[in-house]
Amino acid sequence: MASRRVALKAIDWVAFAERVPPNQKGMFNALKTRTDAISAKLASLPESPAAIDWSYYKSAVAKAGMVDDFEKKFKALKIPEPVDTQTSAINTQEVEADKDAKTYIEASKGRIVQYEAKLEKLNNMIPFDQMTIDDLNEAFPETKLDTVKYPYWPHKPIADL
């Protein structure tokens, strides 16, 4: 039992709490309370189960050989511990998630540079209430009218009426 206790991973509840969305704080608190209760109960259990006093049962049980049979079967009983088949898969997913997160962070840094350049442009331009149409077209070329495609905008040509 001691080896299993050592093998358990400790949970960083502070880091976990930082990643929980506000609408799921109640579920997080319930999980932490339940986990703490289970951990406390496991910690209160002894390392090994109490030894069975077979001599007492031999004197108390009237049928001869029954206790000896139980003792022999009990000592022969081996309860297999489950094999951990998921840790390697979880570790692989963790490595992939870290790689994806680093890729996303690098892409985000690139986007931040672009957005800061746009913000700098917006901060340094003439206020909108003081702009002329030419200033607007210079600051935002996408707003300039295409006179080849729409030569009479906003009016329709007389031939179309």
N, C-alpha and C. Protein backbone atom coordinates (compact mmCIF):
# COMPACT_ATOMS: atom_id res chain seq x y z
N MET A 1 0.82 -1.19 0.00
CA MET A 1 0.00 0.00 0.00
C MET A 1 0.87 1.25 0.00
N ALA A 2 2.01 1.17 0.70
CA ALA A 2 2.89 2.33 0.75
C ALA A 2 3.43 2.67 -0.63
N SER A 3 3.72 1.65 -1.43
CA SER A 3 4.24 1.92 -2.78
C SER A 3 3.19 2.59 -3.65
N ARG A 4 1.94 2.23 -3.44
CA ARG A 4 0.88 2.88 -4.22
C ARG A 4 0.74 4.33 -3.80
N ARG A 5 0.88 4.61 -2.50
CA ARG A 5 0.74 5.99 -2.04
C ARG A 5 1.86 6.85 -2.59
N VAL A 6 3.06 6.30 -2.67
CA VAL A 6 4.17 7.06 -3.19
C VAL A 6 4.00 7.31 -4.68
N ALA A 7 3.41 6.35 -5.38
CA ALA A 7 3.26 6.45 -6.82
C ALA A 7 2.21 7.49 -7.24
N LEU A 8 1.31 7.85 -6.34
CA LEU A 8 0.28 8.82 -6.70
C LEU A 8 0.90 10.18 -6.96
N LYS A 9 0.39 10.88 -7.97
CA LYS A 9 0.89 12.20 -8.28
C LYS A 9 0.16 13.22 -7.42
N ALA A 10 0.89 14.22 -6.98
CA ALA A 10 0.28 15.30 -6.22
C ALA A 10 -0.38 16.26 -7.21
N ILE A 11 -1.51 16.80 -6.82
CA ILE A 11 -2.25 17.72 -7.68
C ILE A 11 -1.94 19.14 -7.23
N ASP A 12 -1.58 19.99 -8.16
CA ASP A 12 -1.34 21.40 -7.86
C ASP A 12 -2.68 22.13 -7.97
N TRP A 13 -3.37 22.23 -6.84
CA TRP A 13 -4.72 22.77 -6.84
C TRP A 13 -4.75 24.25 -7.21
N VAL A 14 -3.69 24.99 -6.89
CA VAL A 14 -3.67 26.42 -7.23
C VAL A 14 -3.62 26.60 -8.75
N ALA A 15 -2.74 25.83 -9.40
CA ALA A 15 -2.65 25.92 -10.86
C ALA A 15 -3.94 25.42 -11.51
N PHE A 16 -4.52 24.38 -10.92
CA PHE A 16 -5.78 23.84 -11.43
C PHE A 16 -6.88 24.89 -11.32
N ALA A 17 -6.95 25.58 -10.17
CA ALA A 17 -8.00 26.58 -9.94
C ALA A 17 -7.88 27.76 -10.89
N GLU A 18 -6.65 28.10 -11.30
CA GLU A 18 -6.46 29.21 -12.23
C GLU A 18 -7.06 28.92 -13.60
N ARG A 19 -7.16 27.64 -13.95
CA ARG A 19 -7.63 27.26 -15.29
C ARG A 19 -9.13 26.95 -15.33
N VAL A 20 -9.79 27.01 -14.18
CA VAL A 20 -11.21 26.68 -14.11
C VAL A 20 -12.02 27.92 -14.47
N PRO A 21 -12.95 27.81 -15.44
CA PRO A 21 -13.79 28.96 -15.79
C PRO A 21 -14.69 29.35 -14.61
N PRO A 22 -15.08 30.60 -14.55
CA PRO A 22 -15.91 31.06 -13.42
C PRO A 22 -17.23 30.30 -13.28
N ASN A 23 -17.82 29.87 -14.39
CA ASN A 23 -19.10 29.17 -14.31
C ASN A 23 -18.95 27.74 -13.81
N GLN A 24 -17.71 27.24 -13.65
CA GLN A 24 -17.49 25.87 -13.17
C GLN A 24 -16.79 25.84 -11.82
N LYS A 25 -16.74 26.98 -11.12
CA LYS A 25 -16.08 27.04 -9.81
C LYS A 25 -16.78 26.12 -8.80
N GLY A 26 -18.10 26.04 -8.86
CA GLY A 26 -18.84 25.17 -7.94
C GLY A 26 -18.45 23.71 -8.12
N MET A 27 -18.38 23.28 -9.37
CA MET A 27 -17.99 21.88 -9.64
C MET A 27 -16.54 21.64 -9.21
N PHE A 28 -15.68 22.64 -9.41
CA PHE A 28 -14.28 22.51 -8.99
C PHE A 28 -14.19 22.37 -7.47
N ASN A 29 -14.94 23.21 -6.75
CA ASN A 29 -14.91 23.14 -5.28
C ASN A 29 -15.44 21.79 -4.79
N ALA A 30 -16.48 21.27 -5.44
CA ALA A 30 -17.02 19.96 -5.06
C ALA A 30 -15.98 18.86 -5.31
N LEU A 31 -15.28 18.94 -6.44
CA LEU A 31 -14.23 17.95 -6.74
C LEU A 31 -13.11 18.02 -5.71
N LYS A 32 -12.69 19.23 -5.37
CA LYS A 32 -11.59 19.37 -4.40
C LYS A 32 -12.02 18.86 -3.03
N THR A 33 -13.24 19.15 -2.61
CA THR A 33 -13.74 18.68 -1.32
C THR A 33 -13.78 17.15 -1.29
N ARG A 34 -14.29 16.57 -2.36
CA ARG A 34 -14.39 15.11 -2.43
C ARG A 34 -13.00 14.47 -2.44
N THR A 35 -12.09 15.04 -3.20
CA THR A 35 -10.72 14.52 -3.27
C THR A 35 -10.02 14.63 -1.92
N ASP A 36 -10.22 15.76 -1.24
CA ASP A 36 -9.61 15.92 0.09
C ASP A 36 -10.17 14.91 1.07
N ALA A 37 -11.48 14.64 0.99
CA ALA A 37 -12.09 13.67 1.89
C ALA A 37 -11.53 12.27 1.63
N ILE A 38 -11.41 11.91 0.36
CA ILE A 38 -10.87 10.59 0.01
C ILE A 38 -9.41 10.48 0.44
N SER A 39 -8.63 11.54 0.23
CA SER A 39 -7.21 11.53 0.63
C SER A 39 -7.07 11.39 2.13
N ALA A 40 -7.93 12.10 2.87
CA ALA A 40 -7.87 12.01 4.33
C ALA A 40 -8.23 10.60 4.79
N LYS A 41 -9.23 10.00 4.17
CA LYS A 41 -9.62 8.64 4.55
C LYS A 41 -8.50 7.64 4.22
N LEU A 42 -7.87 7.79 3.05
CA LEU A 42 -6.76 6.90 2.69
C LEU A 42 -5.58 7.09 3.64
N ALA A 43 -5.32 8.32 4.04
CA ALA A 43 -4.20 8.58 4.95
C ALA A 43 -4.46 7.99 6.33
N SER A 44 -5.74 7.90 6.72
CA SER A 44 -6.06 7.36 8.05
C SER A 44 -5.98 5.84 8.09
N LEU A 45 -5.98 5.18 6.94
CA LEU A 45 -5.90 3.73 6.91
C LEU A 45 -4.48 3.27 7.22
N PRO A 46 -4.34 2.11 7.87
CA PRO A 46 -3.00 1.61 8.16
C PRO A 46 -2.31 1.13 6.88
N GLU A 47 -0.97 1.03 6.95
CA GLU A 47 -0.20 0.59 5.79
C GLU A 47 -0.57 -0.83 5.39
N SER A 48 -0.76 -1.70 6.38
CA SER A 48 -1.12 -3.09 6.09
C SER A 48 -2.36 -3.43 6.92
N PRO A 49 -3.19 -4.35 6.44
CA PRO A 49 -4.39 -4.70 7.20
C PRO A 49 -4.03 -5.39 8.51
N ALA A 50 -4.96 -5.33 9.44
CA ALA A 50 -4.73 -5.95 10.75
C ALA A 50 -4.55 -7.46 10.57
N ALA A 51 -3.63 -8.02 11.35
CA ALA A 51 -3.36 -9.46 11.26
C ALA A 51 -4.53 -10.24 11.86
N ILE A 52 -4.85 -11.36 11.24
CA ILE A 52 -5.95 -12.20 11.72
C ILE A 52 -5.41 -13.15 12.79
N ASP A 53 -6.12 -13.21 13.91
CA ASP A 53 -5.71 -14.11 15.01
C ASP A 53 -6.36 -15.46 14.76
N TRP A 54 -5.65 -16.32 14.03
CA TRP A 54 -6.20 -17.61 13.65
C TRP A 54 -6.37 -18.53 14.87
N SER A 55 -5.53 -18.37 15.88
CA SER A 55 -5.66 -19.23 17.07
C SER A 55 -6.97 -18.96 17.80
N TYR A 56 -7.40 -17.71 17.82
CA TYR A 56 -8.67 -17.40 18.46
C TYR A 56 -9.81 -18.10 17.72
N TYR A 57 -9.80 -18.02 16.38
CA TYR A 57 -10.88 -18.64 15.61
C TYR A 57 -10.85 -20.16 15.73
N LYS A 58 -9.64 -20.76 15.86
CA LYS A 58 -9.54 -22.21 16.02
C LYS A 58 -10.19 -22.65 17.33
N SER A 59 -10.06 -21.82 18.37
CA SER A 59 -10.67 -22.18 19.65
C SER A 59 -12.16 -21.85 19.68
N ALA A 60 -12.60 -20.87 18.88
CA ALA A 60 -14.00 -20.44 18.93
C ALA A 60 -14.90 -21.20 17.97
N VAL A 61 -14.37 -21.69 16.87
CA VAL A 61 -15.18 -22.40 15.87
C VAL A 61 -15.21 -23.88 16.23
N ALA A 62 -16.42 -24.44 16.25
CA ALA A 62 -16.59 -25.83 16.70
C ALA A 62 -16.18 -26.84 15.64
N LYS A 63 -16.38 -26.54 14.39
CA LYS A 63 -16.08 -27.51 13.33
C LYS A 63 -14.57 -27.59 13.11
N ALA A 64 -14.02 -28.77 13.25
CA ALA A 64 -12.58 -28.96 13.13
C ALA A 64 -12.14 -28.84 11.68
N GLY A 65 -11.03 -28.20 11.45
CA GLY A 65 -10.46 -28.08 10.11
C GLY A 65 -11.00 -26.92 9.30
N MET A 66 -12.10 -26.34 9.72
CA MET A 66 -12.69 -25.24 8.95
C MET A 66 -11.77 -24.01 8.97
N VAL A 67 -11.26 -23.65 10.14
CA VAL A 67 -10.39 -22.48 10.27
C VAL A 67 -9.08 -22.73 9.54
N ASP A 68 -8.55 -23.97 9.64
CA ASP A 68 -7.30 -24.29 8.92
C ASP A 68 -7.49 -24.14 7.41
N ASP A 69 -8.65 -24.58 6.94
CA ASP A 69 -8.96 -24.46 5.51
C ASP A 69 -9.04 -22.98 5.10
N PHE A 70 -9.74 -22.17 5.91
CA PHE A 70 -9.84 -20.73 5.64
C PHE A 70 -8.47 -20.07 5.67
N GLU A 71 -7.65 -20.45 6.65
CA GLU A 71 -6.32 -19.86 6.77
C GLU A 71 -5.47 -20.19 5.54
N LYS A 72 -5.53 -21.43 5.10
CA LYS A 72 -4.76 -21.85 3.93
C LYS A 72 -5.24 -21.08 2.68
N LYS A 73 -6.56 -20.95 2.51
CA LYS A 73 -7.10 -20.23 1.36
C LYS A 73 -6.77 -18.74 1.43
N PHE A 74 -6.80 -18.19 2.66
CA PHE A 74 -6.51 -16.77 2.82
C PHE A 74 -5.06 -16.46 2.46
N LYS A 75 -4.15 -17.32 2.90
CA LYS A 75 -2.73 -17.09 2.61
C LYS A 75 -2.43 -17.32 1.13
N ALA A 76 -3.20 -18.16 0.47
CA ALA A 76 -2.99 -18.42 -0.95
C ALA A 76 -3.61 -17.33 -1.83
N LEU A 77 -4.49 -16.54 -1.23
CA LEU A 77 -5.18 -15.49 -1.99
C LEU A 77 -4.23 -14.35 -2.35
N LYS A 78 -4.11 -14.07 -3.60
CA LYS A 78 -3.31 -12.94 -4.08
C LYS A 78 -4.22 -12.07 -4.95
N ILE A 79 -4.43 -10.87 -4.51
CA ILE A 79 -5.28 -9.95 -5.25
C ILE A 79 -4.39 -9.15 -6.20
N PRO A 80 -4.60 -9.29 -7.49
CA PRO A 80 -3.73 -8.58 -8.44
C PRO A 80 -4.04 -7.08 -8.44
N GLU A 81 -2.99 -6.30 -8.51
CA GLU A 81 -3.18 -4.86 -8.63
C GLU A 81 -3.33 -4.53 -10.10
N PRO A 82 -4.19 -3.60 -10.42
CA PRO A 82 -4.39 -3.27 -11.84
C PRO A 82 -3.12 -2.71 -12.47
N VAL A 83 -2.94 -3.02 -13.74
CA VAL A 83 -1.78 -2.55 -14.48
C VAL A 83 -2.10 -1.17 -15.03
N ASP A 84 -1.16 -0.27 -14.89
CA ASP A 84 -1.34 1.09 -15.39
C ASP A 84 -1.11 1.10 -16.89
N THR A 85 -2.19 1.27 -17.64
CA THR A 85 -2.08 1.28 -19.10
C THR A 85 -2.29 2.68 -19.68
N GLN A 86 -2.66 3.62 -18.86
CA GLN A 86 -3.04 4.93 -19.37
C GLN A 86 -2.00 6.02 -19.18
N THR A 87 -1.05 5.83 -18.27
CA THR A 87 -0.08 6.88 -17.98
C THR A 87 0.74 7.25 -19.21
N SER A 88 1.17 6.25 -19.97
CA SER A 88 1.97 6.55 -21.16
C SER A 88 1.14 7.33 -22.19
N ALA A 89 -0.12 6.97 -22.34
CA ALA A 89 -0.99 7.70 -23.28
C ALA A 89 -1.21 9.14 -22.81
N ILE A 90 -1.39 9.30 -21.51
CA ILE A 90 -1.60 10.64 -20.96
C ILE A 90 -0.33 11.47 -21.11
N ASN A 91 0.82 10.87 -20.87
CA ASN A 91 2.08 11.60 -21.04
C ASN A 91 2.29 12.01 -22.49
N THR A 92 1.91 11.14 -23.42
CA THR A 92 2.01 11.48 -24.85
C THR A 92 1.09 12.65 -25.19
N GLN A 93 -0.13 12.61 -24.66
CA GLN A 93 -1.07 13.71 -24.90
C GLN A 93 -0.55 15.01 -24.29
N GLU A 94 0.10 14.90 -23.13
CA GLU A 94 0.63 16.08 -22.47
C GLU A 94 1.74 16.71 -23.32
N VAL A 95 2.62 15.87 -23.88
CA VAL A 95 3.69 16.38 -24.74
C VAL A 95 3.10 17.06 -25.98
N GLU A 96 2.09 16.43 -26.59
CA GLU A 96 1.45 17.01 -27.77
C GLU A 96 0.75 18.32 -27.43
N ALA A 97 0.09 18.36 -26.27
CA ALA A 97 -0.60 19.58 -25.86
C ALA A 97 0.41 20.70 -25.59
N ASP A 98 1.55 20.36 -24.99
CA ASP A 98 2.59 21.37 -24.76
C ASP A 98 3.12 21.90 -26.08
N LYS A 99 3.32 21.00 -27.06
CA LYS A 99 3.82 21.42 -28.37
C LYS A 99 2.78 22.33 -29.05
N ASP A 100 1.50 21.95 -28.98
CA ASP A 100 0.45 22.78 -29.58
C ASP A 100 0.36 24.14 -28.89
N ALA A 101 0.51 24.13 -27.57
CA ALA A 101 0.45 25.39 -26.82
C ALA A 101 1.60 26.31 -27.21
N LYS A 102 2.80 25.74 -27.35
CA LYS A 102 3.95 26.56 -27.75
C LYS A 102 3.76 27.12 -29.15
N THR A 103 3.22 26.32 -30.06
CA THR A 103 2.94 26.80 -31.41
C THR A 103 1.92 27.94 -31.37
N TYR A 104 0.88 27.77 -30.57
CA TYR A 104 -0.15 28.81 -30.44
C TYR A 104 0.43 30.09 -29.84
N ILE A 105 1.31 29.93 -28.85
CA ILE A 105 1.92 31.10 -28.22
C ILE A 105 2.78 31.86 -29.22
N GLU A 106 3.56 31.14 -30.04
CA GLU A 106 4.39 31.80 -31.04
C GLU A 106 3.51 32.52 -32.08
N ALA A 107 2.43 31.87 -32.51
CA ALA A 107 1.52 32.53 -33.45
C ALA A 107 0.87 33.75 -32.81
N SER A 108 0.53 33.65 -31.54
CA SER A 108 -0.08 34.77 -30.83
C SER A 108 0.88 35.94 -30.72
N LYS A 109 2.15 35.64 -30.49
CA LYS A 109 3.14 36.73 -30.43
C LYS A 109 3.22 37.47 -31.76
N GLY A 110 3.14 36.73 -32.86
CA GLY A 110 3.12 37.36 -34.17
C GLY A 110 1.89 38.23 -34.36
N ARG A 111 0.74 37.72 -33.91
CA ARG A 111 -0.50 38.52 -34.01
C ARG A 111 -0.43 39.76 -33.13
N ILE A 112 0.19 39.63 -31.97
CA ILE A 112 0.31 40.79 -31.07
C ILE A 112 1.12 41.89 -31.74
N VAL A 113 2.21 41.52 -32.43
CA VAL A 113 3.02 42.51 -33.13
C VAL A 113 2.18 43.21 -34.20
N GLN A 114 1.39 42.45 -34.95
CA GLN A 114 0.53 43.05 -35.99
C GLN A 114 -0.50 44.00 -35.36
N TYR A 115 -1.12 43.55 -34.26
CA TYR A 115 -2.15 44.38 -33.62
C TYR A 115 -1.55 45.64 -33.00
N GLU A 116 -0.33 45.53 -32.47
CA GLU A 116 0.31 46.72 -31.91
C GLU A 116 0.65 47.72 -33.02
N ALA A 117 1.03 47.20 -34.19
CA ALA A 117 1.29 48.10 -35.32
C ALA A 117 0.00 48.80 -35.75
N LYS A 118 -1.11 48.07 -35.80
CA LYS A 118 -2.39 48.69 -36.14
C LYS A 118 -2.80 49.71 -35.09
N LEU A 119 -2.57 49.38 -33.82
CA LEU A 119 -2.92 50.31 -32.74
C LEU A 119 -2.08 51.58 -32.83
N GLU A 120 -0.80 51.40 -33.12
CA GLU A 120 0.08 52.56 -33.28
C GLU A 120 -0.40 53.45 -34.42
N LYS A 121 -0.84 52.82 -35.52
CA LYS A 121 -1.36 53.58 -36.66
C LYS A 121 -2.62 54.35 -36.25
N LEU A 122 -3.51 53.70 -35.50
CA LEU A 122 -4.75 54.37 -35.08
C LEU A 122 -4.47 55.50 -34.09
N ASN A 123 -3.49 55.29 -33.22
CA ASN A 123 -3.17 56.33 -32.24
C ASN A 123 -2.52 57.55 -32.89
N ASN A 124 -1.80 57.35 -33.99
CA ASN A 124 -1.07 58.47 -34.63
C ASN A 124 -1.83 59.16 -35.74
N MET A 125 -3.01 58.71 -36.09
CA MET A 125 -3.72 59.34 -37.20
C MET A 125 -4.58 60.52 -36.72
N ILE A 126 -5.04 61.28 -37.69
CA ILE A 126 -5.87 62.45 -37.40
C ILE A 126 -7.19 61.97 -36.80
N PRO A 127 -7.75 62.67 -35.81
CA PRO A 127 -9.06 62.27 -35.28
C PRO A 127 -10.12 62.27 -36.38
N PHE A 128 -11.08 61.36 -36.28
CA PHE A 128 -12.08 61.20 -37.33
C PHE A 128 -12.88 62.47 -37.58
N ASP A 129 -13.16 63.21 -36.53
CA ASP A 129 -13.98 64.41 -36.72
C ASP A 129 -13.22 65.53 -37.44
N GLN A 130 -11.89 65.38 -37.61
CA GLN A 130 -11.10 66.39 -38.32
C GLN A 130 -10.62 65.89 -39.68
N MET A 131 -11.00 64.68 -40.08
CA MET A 131 -10.53 64.09 -41.34
C MET A 131 -11.33 64.60 -42.53
N THR A 132 -10.64 64.69 -43.63
CA THR A 132 -11.31 64.90 -44.91
C THR A 132 -11.45 63.54 -45.57
N ILE A 133 -12.14 63.50 -46.69
CA ILE A 133 -12.30 62.25 -47.43
C ILE A 133 -10.94 61.75 -47.90
N ASP A 134 -10.09 62.67 -48.32
CA ASP A 134 -8.76 62.27 -48.78
C ASP A 134 -7.94 61.68 -47.63
N ASP A 135 -8.05 62.28 -46.44
CA ASP A 135 -7.35 61.72 -45.26
C ASP A 135 -7.88 60.33 -44.92
N LEU A 136 -9.19 60.15 -45.02
CA LEU A 136 -9.80 58.85 -44.75
C LEU A 136 -9.30 57.80 -45.75
N ASN A 137 -9.28 58.17 -47.03
CA ASN A 137 -8.81 57.22 -48.05
C ASN A 137 -7.33 56.89 -47.87
N GLU A 138 -6.55 57.86 -47.38
CA GLU A 138 -5.13 57.61 -47.15
C GLU A 138 -4.93 56.69 -45.95
N ALA A 139 -5.71 56.93 -44.89
CA ALA A 139 -5.57 56.11 -43.68
C ALA A 139 -6.16 54.72 -43.87
N PHE A 140 -7.27 54.64 -44.60
CA PHE A 140 -7.94 53.35 -44.83
C PHE A 140 -8.17 53.19 -46.33
N PRO A 141 -7.21 52.63 -47.05
CA PRO A 141 -7.35 52.52 -48.52
C PRO A 141 -8.53 51.67 -48.95
N GLU A 142 -8.97 50.77 -48.10
CA GLU A 142 -10.11 49.91 -48.49
C GLU A 142 -11.41 50.69 -48.59
N THR A 143 -11.47 51.92 -48.05
CA THR A 143 -12.69 52.72 -48.13
C THR A 143 -12.75 53.56 -49.40
N LYS A 144 -11.65 53.63 -50.14
CA LYS A 144 -11.62 54.44 -51.35
C LYS A 144 -12.54 53.84 -52.41
N LEU A 145 -13.29 54.69 -53.06
CA LEU A 145 -14.23 54.23 -54.08
C LEU A 145 -13.50 53.80 -55.35
N ASP A 146 -13.99 52.74 -55.94
CA ASP A 146 -13.45 52.25 -57.20
C ASP A 146 -14.19 52.97 -58.32
N THR A 147 -13.56 54.01 -58.88
CA THR A 147 -14.25 54.83 -59.89
C THR A 147 -14.37 54.11 -61.24
N VAL A 148 -13.56 53.06 -61.43
CA VAL A 148 -13.68 52.31 -62.68
C VAL A 148 -14.91 51.41 -62.61
N LYS A 149 -15.11 50.76 -61.48
CA LYS A 149 -16.24 49.85 -61.35
C LYS A 149 -17.53 50.60 -61.07
N TYR A 150 -17.46 51.65 -60.27
CA TYR A 150 -18.64 52.44 -59.92
C TYR A 150 -18.38 53.92 -60.28
N PRO A 151 -18.44 54.30 -61.55
CA PRO A 151 -18.06 55.67 -61.93
C PRO A 151 -19.04 56.74 -61.46
N TYR A 152 -20.29 56.38 -61.22
CA TYR A 152 -21.28 57.38 -60.85
C TYR A 152 -21.76 57.25 -59.41
N TRP A 153 -21.06 56.45 -58.59
CA TRP A 153 -21.53 56.22 -57.23
C TRP A 153 -21.62 57.52 -56.48
N PRO A 154 -22.60 57.77 -55.71
CA PRO A 154 -23.74 56.95 -55.30
C PRO A 154 -24.93 57.10 -56.23
N HIS A 155 -24.74 57.72 -57.37
CA HIS A 155 -25.84 57.94 -58.28
C HIS A 155 -25.79 56.92 -59.42
N LYS A 156 -26.97 56.63 -59.94
CA LYS A 156 -27.05 55.73 -61.09
C LYS A 156 -26.89 56.54 -62.36
N PRO A 157 -26.29 55.93 -63.36
CA PRO A 157 -26.21 56.66 -64.65
C PRO A 157 -27.62 56.92 -65.21
N ILE A 158 -27.76 57.95 -66.01
CA ILE A 158 -29.06 58.31 -66.57
C ILE A 158 -29.56 57.20 -67.46
N ALA A 159 -28.68 56.48 -68.11
CA ALA A 159 -29.10 55.40 -69.02
C ALA A 159 -29.77 54.25 -68.27
N ASP A 160 -29.43 54.05 -66.97
CA ASP A 160 -30.02 52.97 -66.18
C ASP A 160 -31.39 53.32 -65.62
N LEU A 161 -31.78 54.56 -65.67
CA LEU A 161 -33.07 54.97 -65.11
C LEU A 161 -34.16 54.62 -66.01
